[in-house]
Amino acid sequence: MILELDKAILMRYCSQPAIDLRLLDPMFIYPSTILGQERAIVVGLEHVRCIITADEAILMNSLDGSIIQYELELCKRLQSNKHQKDDLPFKFRALELALECTCMSLDAQVKEQELEIYPVLDELASSISTCNLKLVRRFRGHLLALTRRVQEVRNEIEHLMEDYEDMAEMYLIEKKETMEPALSSVRGYNIEKLEMLLKVYFVSIDNTLSKILSLKECIDDTEDFINIKLANVQNRLILHLAAATFGATMFVVVTGFFGMNLALGNFGNSASFNWALIIT
């Protein structure tokens, strides 16, 4: 169901502060965020921006293609899991799908970069060209931006895994039913379930980050190889230039010697003068 809600209604409905809703605004770019609040989990991961309550997910920018895909996949999974014995609550199914979509999207972008960069690096290693150098410089800029985004998601997942209080805050159903004893009751088995869920996607996003770092290392190695080749060419040019300069200097010296106004007997000997001309 698609509803149009302004921020004031959404704040009252989910009991969320305005600053949390600003993090979900698709018109602005904010770091990746997963916040466990009193009545909702606020998720802002790449294109997936939503508020997850105990029994519903409120999606921002719901007409976007990636959000529609997220909604369809979530409904599909909920239907398929109806007849299965799985005690994973709705909010964690929705959170799991958000993490999965984000990790898969970032990994797909890295694979796309790999398909574009590796052929250019191979060609550049065999033949240096200005066009390929410009491409590599552009790819490096894209990788830096992609690295920052992947690092943000990784850091957010790692922060949740290390903070048991934040994970406890996410058990909305237990908090609604038991209120005060909630923070003590969710520890142990419940925390382990959420921790295992987060570990899966932490490993996934960490693997994606490793791919990016490996790709950046290949670019650095190629640039070092190119610099060595250019330095070698430069040294040979300097050597040729030095040899040419030495030859020109010898020519000037010999020419200057025979151009001086000195009374030498050799000037009367035509053979000696011809040899001087031949040498210079």
Protein backbone atom coordinates (compact mmCIF):
# COMPACT_ATOMS: atom_id res chain seq x y z
CA MET A 1 0.00 0.00 0.00
CA ILE A 2 1.32 3.46 -0.96
CA LEU A 3 0.61 6.33 1.43
CA GLU A 4 1.76 9.92 1.26
CA LEU A 5 2.72 11.08 4.74
CA ASP A 6 4.31 14.35 5.71
CA LYS A 7 7.09 14.44 8.27
CA ALA A 8 4.88 15.59 11.13
CA ILE A 9 2.49 12.63 10.75
CA LEU A 10 5.38 10.21 10.32
CA MET A 11 7.09 11.54 13.44
CA ARG A 12 3.95 11.01 15.51
CA TYR A 13 3.18 7.62 13.98
CA CYS A 14 6.68 6.16 14.53
CA SER A 15 7.71 8.32 17.48
CA GLN A 16 10.86 9.35 15.61
CA PRO A 17 12.74 12.64 15.98
CA ALA A 18 13.06 14.93 12.99
CA ILE A 19 16.81 14.34 12.70
CA ASP A 20 16.24 10.61 12.07
CA LEU A 21 13.75 11.35 9.30
CA ARG A 22 16.23 13.75 7.74
CA LEU A 23 18.68 10.84 7.45
CA LEU A 24 16.14 9.05 5.26
CA ASP A 25 15.45 11.94 2.91
CA PRO A 26 16.33 10.71 -0.63
CA MET A 27 17.06 14.30 -1.68
CA PHE A 28 20.13 14.42 0.59
CA ILE A 29 23.22 12.25 0.88
CA TYR A 30 23.99 11.03 4.38
CA PRO A 31 26.34 8.28 5.63
CA SER A 32 24.89 4.78 5.89
CA THR A 33 22.94 4.43 9.11
CA ILE A 34 21.13 1.74 11.10
CA LEU A 35 19.50 3.10 14.26
CA GLY A 36 17.59 1.02 16.79
CA GLN A 37 15.03 3.32 18.40
CA GLU A 38 12.25 2.74 20.93
CA ARG A 39 9.55 1.79 18.42
CA ALA A 40 11.37 1.40 15.13
CA ILE A 41 14.59 0.58 13.31
CA VAL A 42 15.72 3.43 11.08
CA VAL A 43 17.60 2.09 8.05
CA GLY A 44 19.46 4.33 5.63
CA LEU A 45 21.64 2.11 3.42
CA GLU A 46 22.40 3.32 -0.09
CA HIS A 47 19.08 3.28 -1.99
CA VAL A 48 17.18 1.42 0.78
CA ARG A 49 15.78 4.01 3.18
CA CYS A 50 13.00 2.86 5.46
CA ILE A 51 11.53 2.76 8.95
CA ILE A 52 10.90 -0.78 10.21
CA THR A 53 8.44 -1.27 13.05
CA ALA A 54 7.37 -4.50 14.72
CA ASP A 55 4.94 -5.41 11.93
CA GLU A 56 5.45 -3.05 8.99
CA ALA A 57 8.07 -1.34 6.87
CA ILE A 58 7.60 2.28 5.80
CA LEU A 59 9.64 2.85 2.63
CA MET A 60 10.89 6.22 1.47
CA ASN A 61 10.75 7.07 -2.22
CA SER A 62 8.56 4.03 -2.79
CA LEU A 63 8.16 4.67 -6.53
CA ASP A 64 11.88 4.12 -7.15
CA GLY A 65 12.66 0.91 -9.04
CA SER A 66 15.03 -0.49 -6.42
CA ILE A 67 12.51 0.20 -3.63
CA ILE A 68 9.75 -1.52 -5.59
CA GLN A 69 12.04 -4.52 -6.02
CA TYR A 70 12.73 -4.50 -2.27
CA GLU A 71 9.01 -4.40 -1.50
CA LEU A 72 8.19 -7.27 -3.87
CA GLU A 73 11.00 -9.44 -2.54
CA LEU A 74 9.98 -8.78 1.08
CA CYS A 75 6.36 -9.76 0.37
CA LYS A 76 7.55 -12.86 -1.47
CA ARG A 77 9.73 -13.98 1.44
CA LEU A 78 7.01 -13.36 4.01
CA GLN A 79 4.58 -15.48 1.99
CA SER A 80 7.06 -18.31 1.52
CA ASN A 81 7.98 -18.36 5.22
CA LYS A 82 4.41 -18.50 6.51
CA HIS A 83 4.40 -22.30 6.63
CA GLN A 84 7.96 -22.63 7.88
CA LYS A 85 9.02 -22.75 11.51
CA ASP A 86 11.21 -19.70 11.75
CA ASP A 87 11.16 -17.48 14.81
CA LEU A 88 12.95 -14.61 13.09
CA PRO A 89 10.60 -11.63 13.62
CA PHE A 90 9.37 -9.41 10.81
CA LYS A 91 11.64 -6.49 11.66
CA PHE A 92 14.74 -8.64 11.22
CA ARG A 93 13.48 -10.11 7.96
CA ALA A 94 13.06 -6.58 6.65
CA LEU A 95 16.47 -5.54 8.01
CA GLU A 96 18.10 -8.64 6.54
CA LEU A 97 16.68 -7.89 3.11
CA ALA A 98 17.87 -4.27 3.33
CA LEU A 99 21.39 -5.46 4.14
CA GLU A 100 21.26 -8.06 1.40
CA CYS A 101 20.11 -5.59 -1.25
CA THR A 102 22.78 -3.09 -0.21
CA CYS A 103 25.61 -5.63 -0.18
CA MET A 104 24.55 -7.12 -3.52
CA SER A 105 24.26 -3.67 -5.12
CA LEU A 106 27.72 -2.59 -3.97
CA ASP A 107 29.28 -5.91 -4.98
CA ALA A 108 27.69 -5.64 -8.44
CA GLN A 109 29.17 -2.16 -8.86
CA VAL A 110 32.61 -3.47 -7.89
CA LYS A 111 32.34 -6.31 -10.41
CA GLU A 112 31.36 -3.81 -13.08
CA GLN A 113 34.43 -1.74 -12.25
CA GLU A 114 36.61 -4.86 -12.48
CA LEU A 115 35.30 -5.67 -15.95
CA GLU A 116 36.13 -2.15 -17.11
CA ILE A 117 39.45 -1.59 -15.35
CA TYR A 118 41.39 -4.84 -15.83
CA PRO A 119 41.39 -4.74 -19.68
CA VAL A 120 42.53 -1.11 -19.63
CA LEU A 121 45.34 -1.94 -17.20
CA ASP A 122 46.49 -4.85 -19.38
CA GLU A 123 46.52 -2.65 -22.46
CA LEU A 124 48.27 0.15 -20.61
CA ALA A 125 51.00 -2.18 -19.37
CA SER A 126 51.85 -3.16 -22.96
CA SER A 127 51.35 0.20 -24.64
CA ILE A 128 51.24 3.57 -22.88
CA SER A 129 48.64 5.95 -24.29
CA THR A 130 47.14 9.23 -23.11
CA CYS A 131 43.60 7.93 -23.54
CA ASN A 132 44.17 4.92 -21.28
CA LEU A 133 45.92 7.08 -18.68
CA LYS A 134 42.89 9.35 -18.55
CA LEU A 135 40.61 6.31 -18.17
CA VAL A 136 42.67 4.96 -15.28
CA ARG A 137 42.60 8.37 -13.59
CA ARG A 138 38.81 8.45 -13.94
CA PHE A 139 38.48 4.88 -12.64
CA ARG A 140 40.58 5.79 -9.63
CA GLY A 141 38.14 8.58 -8.76
CA HIS A 142 35.19 6.20 -9.04
CA LEU A 143 36.93 3.64 -6.85
CA LEU A 144 37.62 6.22 -4.15
CA ALA A 145 33.93 7.14 -3.99
CA LEU A 146 32.88 3.47 -4.03
CA THR A 147 35.40 2.63 -1.30
CA ARG A 148 33.94 5.33 0.93
CA ARG A 149 30.40 3.99 0.50
CA VAL A 150 31.41 0.37 1.13
CA GLN A 151 33.45 1.41 4.16
CA GLU A 152 30.48 3.27 5.62
CA VAL A 153 28.21 0.21 5.38
CA ARG A 154 30.93 -2.03 6.81
CA ASN A 155 31.58 0.32 9.73
CA GLU A 156 27.87 0.58 10.51
CA ILE A 157 27.42 -3.20 10.63
CA GLU A 158 30.59 -3.58 12.69
CA HIS A 159 29.38 -0.92 15.14
CA LEU A 160 26.11 -2.80 15.68
CA MET A 161 27.92 -6.10 16.20
CA GLU A 162 30.13 -4.55 18.88
CA ASP A 163 27.34 -2.76 20.76
CA TYR A 164 24.94 -5.14 22.54
CA GLU A 165 22.81 -2.27 23.80
CA ASP A 166 22.08 -1.16 20.22
CA MET A 167 21.14 -4.71 19.27
CA ALA A 168 18.91 -4.94 22.31
CA GLU A 169 17.16 -1.74 21.27
CA MET A 170 16.08 -3.46 18.06
CA TYR A 171 13.93 -6.06 19.80
CA LEU A 172 10.77 -4.02 19.43
CA ILE A 173 8.25 -6.75 20.16
CA GLU A 174 9.85 -7.75 23.44
CA LYS A 175 10.06 -4.11 24.51
CA LYS A 176 6.38 -3.51 23.73
CA GLU A 177 5.29 -6.59 25.64
CA THR A 178 7.63 -6.56 28.61
CA MET A 179 8.86 -2.95 28.73
CA GLU A 180 11.30 -2.79 31.68
CA PRO A 181 12.66 -6.38 31.68
CA ALA A 182 13.26 -6.19 27.93
CA LEU A 183 16.93 -5.22 27.95
CA SER A 184 17.81 -8.15 30.22
CA SER A 185 15.60 -10.72 28.49
CA VAL A 186 16.90 -10.09 24.98
CA ARG A 187 20.47 -10.90 25.88
CA GLY A 188 21.78 -14.37 25.20
CA TYR A 189 19.97 -16.35 22.51
CA ASN A 190 18.10 -13.40 21.00
CA ILE A 191 21.25 -11.30 20.74
CA GLU A 192 23.08 -14.25 19.16
CA LYS A 193 20.44 -14.51 16.43
CA LEU A 194 20.84 -10.87 15.48
CA GLU A 195 24.61 -11.10 15.76
CA MET A 196 24.70 -14.09 13.39
CA LEU A 197 22.54 -12.19 10.90
CA LEU A 198 24.86 -9.20 11.01
CA LYS A 199 27.97 -11.39 10.71
CA VAL A 200 26.79 -12.83 7.40
CA TYR A 201 26.54 -9.42 5.79
CA PHE A 202 29.64 -8.11 7.51
CA VAL A 203 31.62 -10.89 5.84
CA SER A 204 29.93 -10.11 2.53
CA ILE A 205 30.67 -6.37 2.63
CA ASP A 206 34.19 -7.02 3.92
CA ASN A 207 34.80 -9.27 0.90
CA THR A 208 33.55 -6.48 -1.36
CA LEU A 209 35.94 -4.04 0.31
CA SER A 210 38.81 -6.50 -0.23
CA LYS A 211 38.00 -6.60 -3.95
CA ILE A 212 38.17 -2.82 -4.15
CA LEU A 213 41.48 -2.70 -2.30
CA SER A 214 42.87 -5.39 -4.61
CA LEU A 215 41.71 -3.40 -7.62
CA LYS A 216 43.33 -0.22 -6.27
CA GLU A 217 46.54 -2.16 -5.66
CA CYS A 218 46.53 -3.33 -9.29
CA ILE A 219 46.14 0.27 -10.44
CA ASP A 220 49.00 1.37 -8.18
CA ASP A 221 51.23 -1.46 -9.47
CA THR A 222 50.44 -0.56 -13.07
CA GLU A 223 51.21 3.10 -12.42
CA ASP A 224 54.52 2.15 -10.78
CA PHE A 225 55.38 -0.02 -13.80
CA ILE A 226 54.54 2.85 -16.16
CA ASN A 227 56.65 5.25 -14.12
CA ILE A 228 59.59 2.83 -14.34
CA LYS A 229 59.18 2.56 -18.12
CA LEU A 230 58.95 6.33 -18.49
CA ALA A 231 62.00 6.81 -16.27
CA ASN A 232 63.93 4.32 -18.42
CA VAL A 233 62.95 6.18 -21.60
CA GLN A 234 63.88 9.46 -19.96
CA ASN A 235 67.31 8.12 -18.98
CA ARG A 236 67.97 6.94 -22.53
CA LEU A 237 66.96 10.32 -23.91
CA ILE A 238 69.27 12.04 -21.44
CA LEU A 239 72.11 9.71 -22.50
CA HIS A 240 71.50 10.43 -26.21
CA LEU A 241 71.28 14.13 -25.48
CA ALA A 242 74.56 14.02 -23.54
CA ALA A 243 76.28 12.20 -26.42
CA ALA A 244 74.94 14.73 -28.92
CA THR A 245 76.06 17.60 -26.69
CA PHE A 246 79.54 16.10 -26.39
CA GLY A 247 79.79 15.74 -30.17
CA ALA A 248 78.66 19.31 -30.71
CA THR A 249 81.17 20.53 -28.10
CA MET A 250 84.02 18.69 -29.83
CA PHE A 251 82.96 20.24 -33.14
CA VAL A 252 83.05 23.72 -31.59
CA VAL A 253 86.43 23.09 -29.99
CA VAL A 254 88.09 21.85 -33.16
CA THR A 255 86.50 24.56 -35.28
CA GLY A 256 87.58 27.23 -32.81
CA PHE A 257 91.11 25.88 -32.75
CA PHE A 258 91.51 26.18 -36.50
CA GLY A 259 89.76 29.53 -36.51
CA MET A 260 92.31 31.24 -34.30
CA ASN A 261 94.75 33.76 -35.85
CA LEU A 262 97.89 31.81 -35.07
CA ALA A 263 100.88 31.44 -37.31
CA LEU A 264 101.19 27.66 -37.50
CA GLY A 265 103.00 25.64 -40.04
CA ASN A 266 100.07 23.28 -40.43
CA PHE A 267 98.03 25.99 -42.19
CA GLY A 268 100.40 25.75 -45.07
CA ASN A 269 99.92 21.99 -45.25
CA SER A 270 96.70 21.30 -47.14
CA ALA A 271 96.63 17.66 -46.09
CA SER A 272 96.48 18.56 -42.37
CA PHE A 273 93.66 21.03 -42.99
CA ASN A 274 91.67 18.42 -44.93
CA TRP A 275 92.04 15.94 -42.07
CA ALA A 276 90.73 18.56 -39.64
CA LEU A 277 87.70 19.12 -41.83
CA ILE A 278 87.05 15.38 -42.03
CA ILE A 279 87.30 14.96 -38.21
CA THR A 280 84.92 17.85 -37.51
